[in-house]
PDB file of N, CA and C in Angstrom:
ATOM      1  N   UNK A   1      -8.820 -34.255   6.320  1.00  0.00           N
ATOM      2  CA  UNK A   1      -8.384 -32.946   6.699  1.00  0.00           C
ATOM      3  C   UNK A   1      -9.568 -32.238   7.818  1.00  0.00           C
ATOM      4  N   UNK A   2      -9.212 -31.532   8.672  1.00  0.00           N
ATOM      5  CA  UNK A   2      -9.887 -30.935   9.604  1.00  0.00           C
ATOM      6  C   UNK A   2     -11.000 -30.033   9.022  1.00  0.00           C
ATOM      7  N   UNK A   3     -12.141 -29.762   9.352  1.00  0.00           N
ATOM      8  CA  UNK A   3     -13.015 -28.727   8.818  1.00  0.00           C
ATOM      9  C   UNK A   3     -12.458 -27.526   9.399  1.00  0.00           C
ATOM     10  N   UNK A   4     -12.472 -26.515   8.681  1.00  0.00           N
ATOM     11  CA  UNK A   4     -12.207 -25.186   9.120  1.00  0.00           C
ATOM     12  C   UNK A   4     -13.385 -24.479   9.612  1.00  0.00           C
ATOM     13  N   UNK A   5     -13.275 -23.794  10.834  1.00  0.00           N
ATOM     14  CA  UNK A   5     -14.423 -23.228  11.416  1.00  0.00           C
ATOM     15  C   UNK A   5     -14.218 -21.600  10.964  1.00  0.00           C
ATOM     16  N   UNK A   6     -15.299 -21.218  10.494  1.00  0.00           N
ATOM     17  CA  UNK A   6     -15.422 -19.716  10.289  1.00  0.00           C
ATOM     18  C   UNK A   6     -14.918 -18.883  11.420  1.00  0.00           C
ATOM     19  N   UNK A   7     -14.324 -17.681  11.203  1.00  0.00           N
ATOM     20  CA  UNK A   7     -13.721 -16.798  12.260  1.00  0.00           C
ATOM     21  C   UNK A   7     -14.831 -16.575  13.397  1.00  0.00           C
ATOM     22  N   UNK A   8     -15.927 -16.201  12.811  1.00  0.00           N
ATOM     23  CA  UNK A   8     -17.117 -15.697  13.816  1.00  0.00           C
ATOM     24  C   UNK A   8     -17.586 -16.731  14.467  1.00  0.00           C
ATOM     25  N   UNK A   9     -17.318 -18.054  14.319  1.00  0.00           N
ATOM     26  CA  UNK A   9     -17.839 -19.301  14.878  1.00  0.00           C
ATOM     27  C   UNK A   9     -16.969 -19.979  15.828  1.00  0.00           C
ATOM     28  N   UNK A  10     -15.625 -19.464  15.785  1.00  0.00           N
ATOM     29  CA  UNK A  10     -14.608 -20.245  16.601  1.00  0.00           C
ATOM     30  C   UNK A  10     -14.754 -19.934  18.020  1.00  0.00           C
ATOM     31  N   UNK A  11     -14.661 -20.886  18.892  1.00  0.00           N
ATOM     32  CA  UNK A  11     -14.930 -20.662  20.161  1.00  0.00           C
ATOM     33  C   UNK A  11     -13.850 -21.301  21.007  1.00  0.00           C
ATOM     34  N   UNK A  12     -12.608 -21.845  20.377  1.00  0.00           N
ATOM     35  CA  UNK A  12     -11.428 -22.312  21.137  1.00  0.00           C
ATOM     36  C   UNK A  12     -10.315 -21.759  20.204  1.00  0.00           C
ATOM     37  N   UNK A  13      -9.194 -21.508  21.006  1.00  0.00           N
ATOM     38  CA  UNK A  13      -7.924 -21.349  20.318  1.00  0.00           C
ATOM     39  C   UNK A  13      -7.477 -22.438  19.240  1.00  0.00           C
ATOM     40  N   UNK A  14      -7.738 -23.605  19.672  1.00  0.00           N
ATOM     41  CA  UNK A  14      -7.472 -24.808  18.764  1.00  0.00           C
ATOM     42  C   UNK A  14      -8.013 -24.701  17.372  1.00  0.00           C
ATOM     43  N   UNK A  15      -9.410 -24.125  17.408  1.00  0.00           N
ATOM     44  CA  UNK A  15     -10.004 -23.894  16.176  1.00  0.00           C
ATOM     45  C   UNK A  15      -9.212 -22.774  15.348  1.00  0.00           C
ATOM     46  N   UNK A  16      -9.008 -21.657  16.062  1.00  0.00           N
ATOM     47  CA  UNK A  16      -8.343 -20.363  15.460  1.00  0.00           C
ATOM     48  C   UNK A  16      -7.034 -20.983  14.912  1.00  0.00           C
ATOM     49  N   UNK A  17      -6.333 -21.635  15.642  1.00  0.00           N
ATOM     50  CA  UNK A  17      -4.971 -21.994  15.179  1.00  0.00           C
ATOM     51  C   UNK A  17      -4.911 -22.881  13.993  1.00  0.00           C
ATOM     52  N   UNK A  18      -5.873 -23.982  13.996  1.00  0.00           N
ATOM     53  CA  UNK A  18      -6.106 -24.810  12.884  1.00  0.00           C
ATOM     54  C   UNK A  18      -6.403 -24.035  11.716  1.00  0.00           C
ATOM     55  N   UNK A  19      -7.331 -23.071  11.672  1.00  0.00           N
ATOM     56  CA  UNK A  19      -7.651 -22.341  10.613  1.00  0.00           C
ATOM     57  C   UNK A  19      -6.523 -21.426  10.088  1.00  0.00           C
ATOM     58  N   UNK A  20      -5.822 -20.788  11.005  1.00  0.00           N
ATOM     59  CA  UNK A  20      -4.597 -20.100  10.593  1.00  0.00           C
ATOM     60  C   UNK A  20      -3.506 -20.802  10.117  1.00  0.00           C
ATOM     61  N   UNK A  21      -3.214 -22.034  10.474  1.00  0.00           N
ATOM     62  CA  UNK A  21      -2.247 -22.802  10.028  1.00  0.00           C
ATOM     63  C   UNK A  21      -2.648 -23.332   8.510  1.00  0.00           C
ATOM     64  N   UNK A  22      -3.781 -23.537   8.222  1.00  0.00           N
ATOM     65  CA  UNK A  22      -4.423 -23.792   7.031  1.00  0.00           C
ATOM     66  C   UNK A  22      -4.383 -22.692   6.075  1.00  0.00           C
ATOM     67  N   UNK A  23      -4.550 -21.451   6.495  1.00  0.00           N
ATOM     68  CA  UNK A  23      -4.394 -20.235   5.580  1.00  0.00           C
ATOM     69  C   UNK A  23      -2.902 -20.075   5.414  1.00  0.00           C
ATOM     70  N   UNK A  24      -2.091 -20.291   6.553  1.00  0.00           N
ATOM     71  CA  UNK A  24      -0.623 -20.051   5.982  1.00  0.00           C
ATOM     72  C   UNK A  24      -0.251 -20.953   4.847  1.00  0.00           C
ATOM     73  N   UNK A  25      -0.634 -22.265   4.834  1.00  0.00           N
ATOM     74  CA  UNK A  25      -0.221 -23.138   3.834  1.00  0.00           C
ATOM     75  C   UNK A  25      -0.839 -22.653   2.494  1.00  0.00           C
ATOM     76  N   UNK A  26      -1.937 -22.029   2.356  1.00  0.00           N
ATOM     77  CA  UNK A  26      -2.500 -21.473   1.163  1.00  0.00           C
ATOM     78  C   UNK A  26      -1.710 -20.298   0.835  1.00  0.00           C
ATOM     79  N   UNK A  27      -1.372 -19.622   1.585  1.00  0.00           N
ATOM     80  CA  UNK A  27      -0.464 -18.220   1.413  1.00  0.00           C
ATOM     81  C   UNK A  27       0.974 -18.591   0.722  1.00  0.00           C
ATOM     82  N   UNK A  28       1.442 -19.668   1.485  1.00  0.00           N
ATOM     83  CA  UNK A  28       2.727 -20.075   1.006  1.00  0.00           C
ATOM     84  C   UNK A  28       2.671 -20.644  -0.414  1.00  0.00           C
ATOM     85  N   UNK A  29       1.569 -21.391  -0.731  1.00  0.00           N
ATOM     86  CA  UNK A  29       1.267 -21.935  -1.987  1.00  0.00           C
ATOM     87  C   UNK A  29       1.308 -20.763  -3.180  1.00  0.00           C
ATOM     88  N   UNK A  30       0.421 -19.825  -2.630  1.00  0.00           N
ATOM     89  CA  UNK A  30       0.572 -18.711  -3.637  1.00  0.00           C
ATOM     90  C   UNK A  30       1.569 -17.822  -3.780  1.00  0.00           C
ATOM     91  N   UNK A  31       2.365 -17.661  -2.783  1.00  0.00           N
ATOM     92  CA  UNK A  31       3.767 -16.996  -2.637  1.00  0.00           C
ATOM     93  C   UNK A  31       4.690 -17.862  -3.702  1.00  0.00           C
ATOM     94  N   UNK A  32       4.624 -19.169  -3.700  1.00  0.00           N
ATOM     95  CA  UNK A  32       5.523 -20.012  -4.499  1.00  0.00           C
ATOM     96  C   UNK A  32       5.150 -19.971  -6.053  1.00  0.00           C
ATOM     97  N   UNK A  33       3.698 -19.863  -6.308  1.00  0.00           N
ATOM     98  CA  UNK A  33       3.297 -19.505  -7.620  1.00  0.00           C
ATOM     99  C   UNK A  33       3.654 -18.092  -8.027  1.00  0.00           C
ATOM    100  N   UNK A  34       3.629 -17.108  -7.219  1.00  0.00           N
ATOM    101  CA  UNK A  34       4.082 -15.725  -7.560  1.00  0.00           C
ATOM    102  C   UNK A  34       5.471 -15.696  -7.922  1.00  0.00           C
ATOM    103  N   UNK A  35       6.431 -16.510  -7.099  1.00  0.00           N
ATOM    104  CA  UNK A  35       7.830 -16.429  -7.359  1.00  0.00           C
ATOM    105  C   UNK A  35       8.130 -17.108  -8.651  1.00  0.00           C
ATOM    106  N   UNK A  36       7.394 -17.988  -9.222  1.00  0.00           N
ATOM    107  CA  UNK A  36       7.367 -18.593 -10.438  1.00  0.00           C
ATOM    108  C   UNK A  36       7.191 -17.658 -11.568  1.00  0.00           C
ATOM    109  N   UNK A  37       6.464 -16.700 -11.402  1.00  0.00           N
ATOM    110  CA  UNK A  37       6.391 -15.676 -12.278  1.00  0.00           C
ATOM    111  C   UNK A  37       7.553 -14.811 -12.251  1.00  0.00           C
ATOM    112  N   UNK A  38       8.048 -14.430 -11.042  1.00  0.00           N
ATOM    113  CA  UNK A  38       9.418 -13.674 -10.924  1.00  0.00           C
ATOM    114  C   UNK A  38      10.253 -14.396 -11.752  1.00  0.00           C
ATOM    115  N   UNK A  39      10.647 -15.775 -11.620  1.00  0.00           N
ATOM    116  CA  UNK A  39      11.423 -16.546 -12.486  1.00  0.00           C
ATOM    117  C   UNK A  39      11.295 -16.254 -13.849  1.00  0.00           C
ATOM    118  N   UNK A  40      10.277 -16.285 -14.278  1.00  0.00           N
ATOM    119  CA  UNK A  40       9.707 -16.042 -15.748  1.00  0.00           C
ATOM    120  C   UNK A  40       9.974 -14.455 -16.229  1.00  0.00           C
ATOM    121  N   UNK A  41       9.857 -13.796 -15.267  1.00  0.00           N
ATOM    122  CA  UNK A  41      10.275 -12.272 -15.541  1.00  0.00           C
ATOM    123  C   UNK A  41      11.876 -12.066 -15.679  1.00  0.00           C
ATOM    124  N   UNK A  42      12.509 -12.855 -14.896  1.00  0.00           N
ATOM    125  CA  UNK A  42      13.907 -12.894 -15.078  1.00  0.00           C
ATOM    126  C   UNK A  42      14.333 -13.365 -16.487  1.00  0.00           C
ATOM    127  N   UNK A  43      13.592 -14.473 -16.932  1.00  0.00           N
ATOM    128  CA  UNK A  43      13.874 -15.060 -18.084  1.00  0.00           C
ATOM    129  C   UNK A  43      13.601 -14.255 -19.299  1.00  0.00           C
ATOM    130  N   UNK A  44      12.511 -13.548 -19.284  1.00  0.00           N
ATOM    131  CA  UNK A  44      11.986 -12.703 -20.442  1.00  0.00           C
ATOM    132  C   UNK A  44      12.822 -11.368 -20.515  1.00  0.00           C
ATOM    133  N   UNK A  45      13.244 -10.738 -19.359  1.00  0.00           N
ATOM    134  CA  UNK A  45      13.869  -9.398 -19.498  1.00  0.00           C
ATOM    135  C   UNK A  45      15.165  -9.496 -20.051  1.00  0.00           C
ATOM    136  N   UNK A  46      15.486  -8.651 -21.073  1.00  0.00           N
ATOM    137  CA  UNK A  46      16.657  -8.756 -21.854  1.00  0.00           C
ATOM    138  C   UNK A  46      17.784  -7.938 -21.286  1.00  0.00           C
ATOM    139  N   UNK A  47      17.442  -6.960 -20.270  1.00  0.00           N
ATOM    140  CA  UNK A  47      18.725  -6.318 -19.514  1.00  0.00           C
ATOM    141  C   UNK A  47      18.545  -6.289 -18.085  1.00  0.00           C
ATOM    142  N   UNK A  48      19.651  -6.380 -17.536  1.00  0.00           N
ATOM    143  CA  UNK A  48      19.482  -6.477 -15.908  1.00  0.00           C
ATOM    144  C   UNK A  48      18.898  -5.141 -15.214  1.00  0.00           C
ATOM    145  N   UNK A  49      19.166  -4.065 -16.047  1.00  0.00           N
ATOM    146  CA  UNK A  49      18.598  -2.879 -15.592  1.00  0.00           C
ATOM    147  C   UNK A  49      17.252  -2.818 -15.452  1.00  0.00           C
ATOM    148  N   UNK A  50      16.497  -3.671 -16.240  1.00  0.00           N
ATOM    149  CA  UNK A  50      14.936  -3.805 -16.241  1.00  0.00           C
ATOM    150  C   UNK A  50      14.466  -4.489 -14.896  1.00  0.00           C
ATOM    151  N   UNK A  51      15.347  -5.286 -14.224  1.00  0.00           N
ATOM    152  CA  UNK A  51      14.805  -6.031 -13.115  1.00  0.00           C
ATOM    153  C   UNK A  51      14.144  -5.118 -12.156  1.00  0.00           C
ATOM    154  N   UNK A  52      14.860  -3.939 -11.607  1.00  0.00           N
ATOM    155  CA  UNK A  52      14.396  -2.908 -10.714  1.00  0.00           C
ATOM    156  C   UNK A  52      13.491  -2.049 -11.537  1.00  0.00           C
ATOM    157  N   UNK A  53      12.177  -1.923 -11.389  1.00  0.00           N
ATOM    158  CA  UNK A  53      11.334  -0.936 -11.823  1.00  0.00           C
ATOM    159  C   UNK A  53      10.700  -0.317 -10.814  1.00  0.00           C
ATOM    160  N   UNK A  54      10.845   1.012 -10.422  1.00  0.00           N
ATOM    161  CA  UNK A  54      10.399   1.679  -9.273  1.00  0.00           C
ATOM    162  C   UNK A  54       8.892   1.915  -9.619  1.00  0.00           C
ATOM    163  N   UNK A  55       8.472   2.402 -10.848  1.00  0.00           N
ATOM    164  CA  UNK A  55       7.259   2.624 -10.994  1.00  0.00           C
ATOM    165  C   UNK A  55       6.339   1.347 -10.882  1.00  0.00           C
ATOM    166  N   UNK A  56       6.810   0.277 -11.390  1.00  0.00           N
ATOM    167  CA  UNK A  56       6.104  -1.012 -11.209  1.00  0.00           C
ATOM    168  C   UNK A  56       6.059  -1.432  -9.955  1.00  0.00           C
ATOM    169  N   UNK A  57       6.848  -1.105  -8.941  1.00  0.00           N
ATOM    170  CA  UNK A  57       7.071  -1.576  -7.578  1.00  0.00           C
ATOM    171  C   UNK A  57       5.774  -0.680  -7.110  1.00  0.00           C
ATOM    172  N   UNK A  58       5.779   0.593  -7.202  1.00  0.00           N
ATOM    173  CA  UNK A  58       4.748   1.623  -6.676  1.00  0.00           C
ATOM    174  C   UNK A  58       3.348   1.049  -7.127  1.00  0.00           C
ATOM    175  N   UNK A  59       3.224   0.711  -8.237  1.00  0.00           N
ATOM    176  CA  UNK A  59       1.995   0.229  -8.777  1.00  0.00           C
ATOM    177  C   UNK A  59       1.490  -1.184  -8.277  1.00  0.00           C
ATOM    178  N   UNK A  60       2.445  -2.074  -7.912  1.00  0.00           N
ATOM    179  CA  UNK A  60       2.144  -3.285  -7.162  1.00  0.00           C
ATOM    180  C   UNK A  60       1.650  -3.054  -5.867  1.00  0.00           C
ATOM    181  N   UNK A  61       2.297  -2.199  -5.131  1.00  0.00           N
ATOM    182  CA  UNK A  61       1.984  -2.064  -3.774  1.00  0.00           C
ATOM    183  C   UNK A  61       0.611  -1.050  -3.723  1.00  0.00           C
ATOM    184  N   UNK A  62       0.443  -0.167  -4.670  1.00  0.00           N
ATOM    185  CA  UNK A  62      -0.867   0.595  -4.417  1.00  0.00           C
ATOM    186  C   UNK A  62      -2.022  -0.479  -4.734  1.00  0.00           C
ATOM    187  N   UNK A  63      -1.858  -1.253  -5.698  1.00  0.00           N
ATOM    188  CA  UNK A  63      -3.065  -2.160  -6.010  1.00  0.00           C
ATOM    189  C   UNK A  63      -3.239  -3.073  -4.816  1.00  0.00           C
ATOM    190  N   UNK A  64      -2.139  -3.438  -4.114  1.00  0.00           N
ATOM    191  CA  UNK A  64      -2.327  -4.377  -2.878  1.00  0.00           C
ATOM    192  C   UNK A  64      -3.110  -3.618  -1.740  1.00  0.00           C
ATOM    193  N   UNK A  65      -2.794  -2.210  -1.801  1.00  0.00           N
ATOM    194  CA  UNK A  65      -3.342  -1.250  -0.862  1.00  0.00           C
ATOM    195  C   UNK A  65      -4.866  -1.063  -1.238  1.00  0.00           C
ATOM    196  N   UNK A  66      -5.192  -0.970  -2.635  1.00  0.00           N
ATOM    197  CA  UNK A  66      -6.597  -0.910  -2.850  1.00  0.00           C
ATOM    198  C   UNK A  66      -7.259  -2.190  -2.528  1.00  0.00           C
ATOM    199  N   UNK A  67      -6.643  -3.429  -2.653  1.00  0.00           N
ATOM    200  CA  UNK A  67      -7.394  -4.651  -2.319  1.00  0.00           C
ATOM    201  C   UNK A  67      -7.443  -4.669  -0.864  1.00  0.00           C
ATOM    202  N   UNK A  68      -6.634  -4.183  -0.158  1.00  0.00           N
ATOM    203  CA  UNK A  68      -6.677  -4.134   1.414  1.00  0.00           C
ATOM    204  C   UNK A  68      -7.980  -3.384   1.751  1.00  0.00           C
ATOM    205  N   UNK A  69      -8.118  -2.137   0.975  1.00  0.00           N
ATOM    206  CA  UNK A  69      -9.297  -1.471   1.317  1.00  0.00           C
ATOM    207  C   UNK A  69     -10.561  -2.358   1.000  1.00  0.00           C
ATOM    208  N   UNK A  70     -10.647  -2.986   0.059  1.00  0.00           N
ATOM    209  CA  UNK A  70     -11.890  -3.769  -0.417  1.00  0.00           C
ATOM    210  C   UNK A  70     -12.063  -4.964   0.708  1.00  0.00           C
ATOM    211  N   UNK A  71     -11.122  -5.362   1.486  1.00  0.00           N
ATOM    212  CA  UNK A  71     -11.272  -6.305   2.269  1.00  0.00           C
ATOM    213  C   UNK A  71     -11.299  -5.951   3.792  1.00  0.00           C
ATOM    214  N   UNK A  72     -11.318  -4.574   4.055  1.00  0.00           N
ATOM    215  CA  UNK A  72     -11.330  -4.128   5.295  1.00  0.00           C
ATOM    216  C   UNK A  72     -10.040  -4.252   6.017  1.00  0.00           C
ATOM    217  N   UNK A  73      -8.880  -4.274   5.467  1.00  0.00           N
ATOM    218  CA  UNK A  73      -7.595  -4.375   6.000  1.00  0.00           C
ATOM    219  C   UNK A  73      -6.934  -2.951   6.068  1.00  0.00           C
ATOM    220  N   UNK A  74      -5.894  -2.932   6.819  1.00  0.00           N
ATOM    221  CA  UNK A  74      -5.135  -1.727   7.107  1.00  0.00           C
ATOM    222  C   UNK A  74      -4.307  -1.497   5.901  1.00  0.00           C
ATOM    223  N   UNK A  75      -4.406  -0.385   5.195  1.00  0.00           N
ATOM    224  CA  UNK A  75      -3.377  -0.213   4.069  1.00  0.00           C
ATOM    225  C   UNK A  75      -2.054  -0.052   4.333  1.00  0.00           C
ATOM    226  N   UNK A  76      -1.802   0.467   5.483  1.00  0.00           N
ATOM    227  CA  UNK A  76      -0.542   0.602   6.083  1.00  0.00           C
ATOM    228  C   UNK A  76       0.265  -0.778   6.458  1.00  0.00           C
ATOM    229  N   UNK A  77      -0.621  -1.701   7.094  1.00  0.00           N
ATOM    230  CA  UNK A  77      -0.184  -3.133   7.240  1.00  0.00           C
ATOM    231  C   UNK A  77       0.236  -3.650   5.876  1.00  0.00           C
ATOM    232  N   UNK A  78      -0.731  -3.634   4.823  1.00  0.00           N
ATOM    233  CA  UNK A  78      -0.576  -4.352   3.478  1.00  0.00           C
ATOM    234  C   UNK A  78       0.616  -3.840   2.893  1.00  0.00           C
ATOM    235  N   UNK A  79       0.752  -2.490   2.758  1.00  0.00           N
ATOM    236  CA  UNK A  79       1.962  -1.801   2.331  1.00  0.00           C
ATOM    237  C   UNK A  79       3.396  -2.147   2.741  1.00  0.00           C
ATOM    238  N   UNK A  80       3.330  -2.275   4.049  1.00  0.00           N
ATOM    239  CA  UNK A  80       4.509  -2.854   4.652  1.00  0.00           C
ATOM    240  C   UNK A  80       4.851  -4.254   4.235  1.00  0.00           C
ATOM    241  N   UNK A  81       3.941  -5.022   4.243  1.00  0.00           N
ATOM    242  CA  UNK A  81       4.209  -6.580   3.636  1.00  0.00           C
ATOM    243  C   UNK A  81       4.620  -6.461   2.167  1.00  0.00           C
ATOM    244  N   UNK A  82       3.940  -5.764   1.504  1.00  0.00           N
ATOM    245  CA  UNK A  82       4.212  -5.833   0.114  1.00  0.00           C
ATOM    246  C   UNK A  82       5.385  -5.195  -0.246  1.00  0.00           C
ATOM    247  N   UNK A  83       6.022  -4.202   0.555  1.00  0.00           N
ATOM    248  CA  UNK A  83       7.302  -3.514   0.496  1.00  0.00           C
ATOM    249  C   UNK A  83       8.249  -4.495   0.536  1.00  0.00           C
ATOM    250  N   UNK A  84       8.212  -5.406   1.457  1.00  0.00           N
ATOM    251  CA  UNK A  84       9.126  -6.597   1.810  1.00  0.00           C
ATOM    252  C   UNK A  84       9.119  -7.682   0.650  1.00  0.00           C
ATOM    253  N   UNK A  85       7.726  -8.035   0.293  1.00  0.00           N
ATOM    254  CA  UNK A  85       7.597  -9.088  -0.551  1.00  0.00           C
ATOM    255  C   UNK A  85       8.180  -8.559  -2.120  1.00  0.00           C
ATOM    256  N   UNK A  86       7.825  -7.170  -2.430  1.00  0.00           N
ATOM    257  CA  UNK A  86       8.438  -6.808  -3.744  1.00  0.00           C
ATOM    258  C   UNK A  86       9.959  -6.745  -3.707  1.00  0.00           C
ATOM    259  N   UNK A  87      10.516  -6.334  -2.494  1.00  0.00           N
ATOM    260  CA  UNK A  87      12.054  -6.241  -2.461  1.00  0.00           C
ATOM    261  C   UNK A  87      12.670  -7.719  -2.550  1.00  0.00           C
ATOM    262  N   UNK A  88      12.132  -8.582  -1.811  1.00  0.00           N
ATOM    263  CA  UNK A  88      12.607  -9.926  -1.739  1.00  0.00           C
ATOM    264  C   UNK A  88      12.529 -10.433  -3.132  1.00  0.00           C
ATOM    265  N   UNK A  89      11.450 -10.280  -3.697  1.00  0.00           N
ATOM    266  CA  UNK A  89      11.066 -10.568  -5.201  1.00  0.00           C
ATOM    267  C   UNK A  89      12.201 -10.006  -6.163  1.00  0.00           C
ATOM    268  N   UNK A  90      12.433  -8.871  -6.109  1.00  0.00           N
ATOM    269  CA  UNK A  90      13.401  -8.078  -6.866  1.00  0.00           C
ATOM    270  C   UNK A  90      14.753  -8.772  -6.707  1.00  0.00           C
ATOM    271  N   UNK A  91      15.212  -9.147  -5.386  1.00  0.00           N
ATOM    272  CA  UNK A  91      16.378  -9.583  -5.168  1.00  0.00           C
ATOM    273  C   UNK A  91      16.531 -10.925  -5.842  1.00  0.00           C
ATOM    274  N   UNK A  92      15.479 -11.834  -5.632  1.00  0.00           N
ATOM    275  CA  UNK A  92      15.268 -13.183  -6.352  1.00  0.00           C
ATOM    276  C   UNK A  92      15.562 -12.980  -7.815  1.00  0.00           C
ATOM    277  N   UNK A  93      14.747 -12.028  -8.297  1.00  0.00           N
ATOM    278  CA  UNK A  93      14.945 -12.050  -9.804  1.00  0.00           C
ATOM    279  C   UNK A  93      16.282 -11.663 -10.262  1.00  0.00           C
ATOM    280  N   UNK A  94      16.948 -10.733  -9.559  1.00  0.00           N
ATOM    281  CA  UNK A  94      18.421 -10.336  -9.836  1.00  0.00           C
ATOM    282  C   UNK A  94      19.137 -11.705  -9.938  1.00  0.00           C
ATOM    283  N   UNK A  95      19.127 -12.502  -8.989  1.00  0.00           N
ATOM    284  CA  UNK A  95      19.858 -13.811  -8.743  1.00  0.00           C
ATOM    285  C   UNK A  95      19.405 -14.661  -9.761  1.00  0.00           C
ATOM    286  N   UNK A  96      18.179 -14.831 -10.298  1.00  0.00           N
ATOM    287  CA  UNK A  96      17.722 -15.863 -11.415  1.00  0.00           C
ATOM    288  C   UNK A  96      18.434 -15.071 -12.588  1.00  0.00           C
ATOM    289  N   UNK A  97      18.240 -13.768 -12.985  1.00  0.00           N
ATOM    290  CA  UNK A  97      18.684 -13.152 -14.045  1.00  0.00           C
ATOM    291  C   UNK A  97      20.194 -13.398 -14.223  1.00  0.00           C
ATOM    292  N   UNK A  98      20.756 -13.271 -13.186  1.00  0.00           N
ATOM    293  CA  UNK A  98      22.419 -13.323 -13.194  1.00  0.00           C
ATOM    294  C   UNK A  98      22.790 -14.779 -13.426  1.00  0.00           C
ATOM    295  N   UNK A  99      22.075 -15.766 -12.957  1.00  0.00           N
ATOM    296  CA  UNK A  99      22.331 -17.177 -13.307  1.00  0.00           C
ATOM    297  C   UNK A  99      22.028 -17.528 -14.802  1.00  0.00           C
ATOM    298  N   UNK A 100      21.079 -16.905 -15.183  1.00  0.00           N
ATOM    299  CA  UNK A 100      20.808 -17.140 -16.754  1.00  0.00           C
ATOM    300  C   UNK A 100      21.947 -16.591 -17.602  1.00  0.00           C
ATOM    301  N   UNK A 101      22.245 -15.524 -17.198  1.00  0.00           N
ATOM    302  CA  UNK A 101      23.328 -14.780 -18.100  1.00  0.00           C
ATOM    303  C   UNK A 101      24.614 -15.185 -18.038  1.00  0.00           C
ATOM    304  N   UNK A 102      24.979 -15.843 -16.739  1.00  0.00           N
ATOM    305  CA  UNK A 102      26.312 -16.519 -16.417  1.00  0.00           C
ATOM    306  C   UNK A 102      26.680 -17.672 -17.544  1.00  0.00           C
TER     307      UNK A 102
END
């Protein structure tokens, strides 16, 4: 595997792209792990109405925004990403829940 150059030491677009590609693979691996927990939630919840929980959604997004602050990222940027992530997770959970109940 190619050594990843730290951002402040990158001098070429090739180094930057290599690092971004490596990070993207890590992000996707974490997303896959997160989705396995969504699968587990669909299995554990006893009622379809429990899949969508607006209070929990708001809490997840708020925590992500707090993490953004801690890492010097834009809250608005992270909130938009997490809005999509949570909505897609909810949609997936509905599909899994319905397949279990069928």
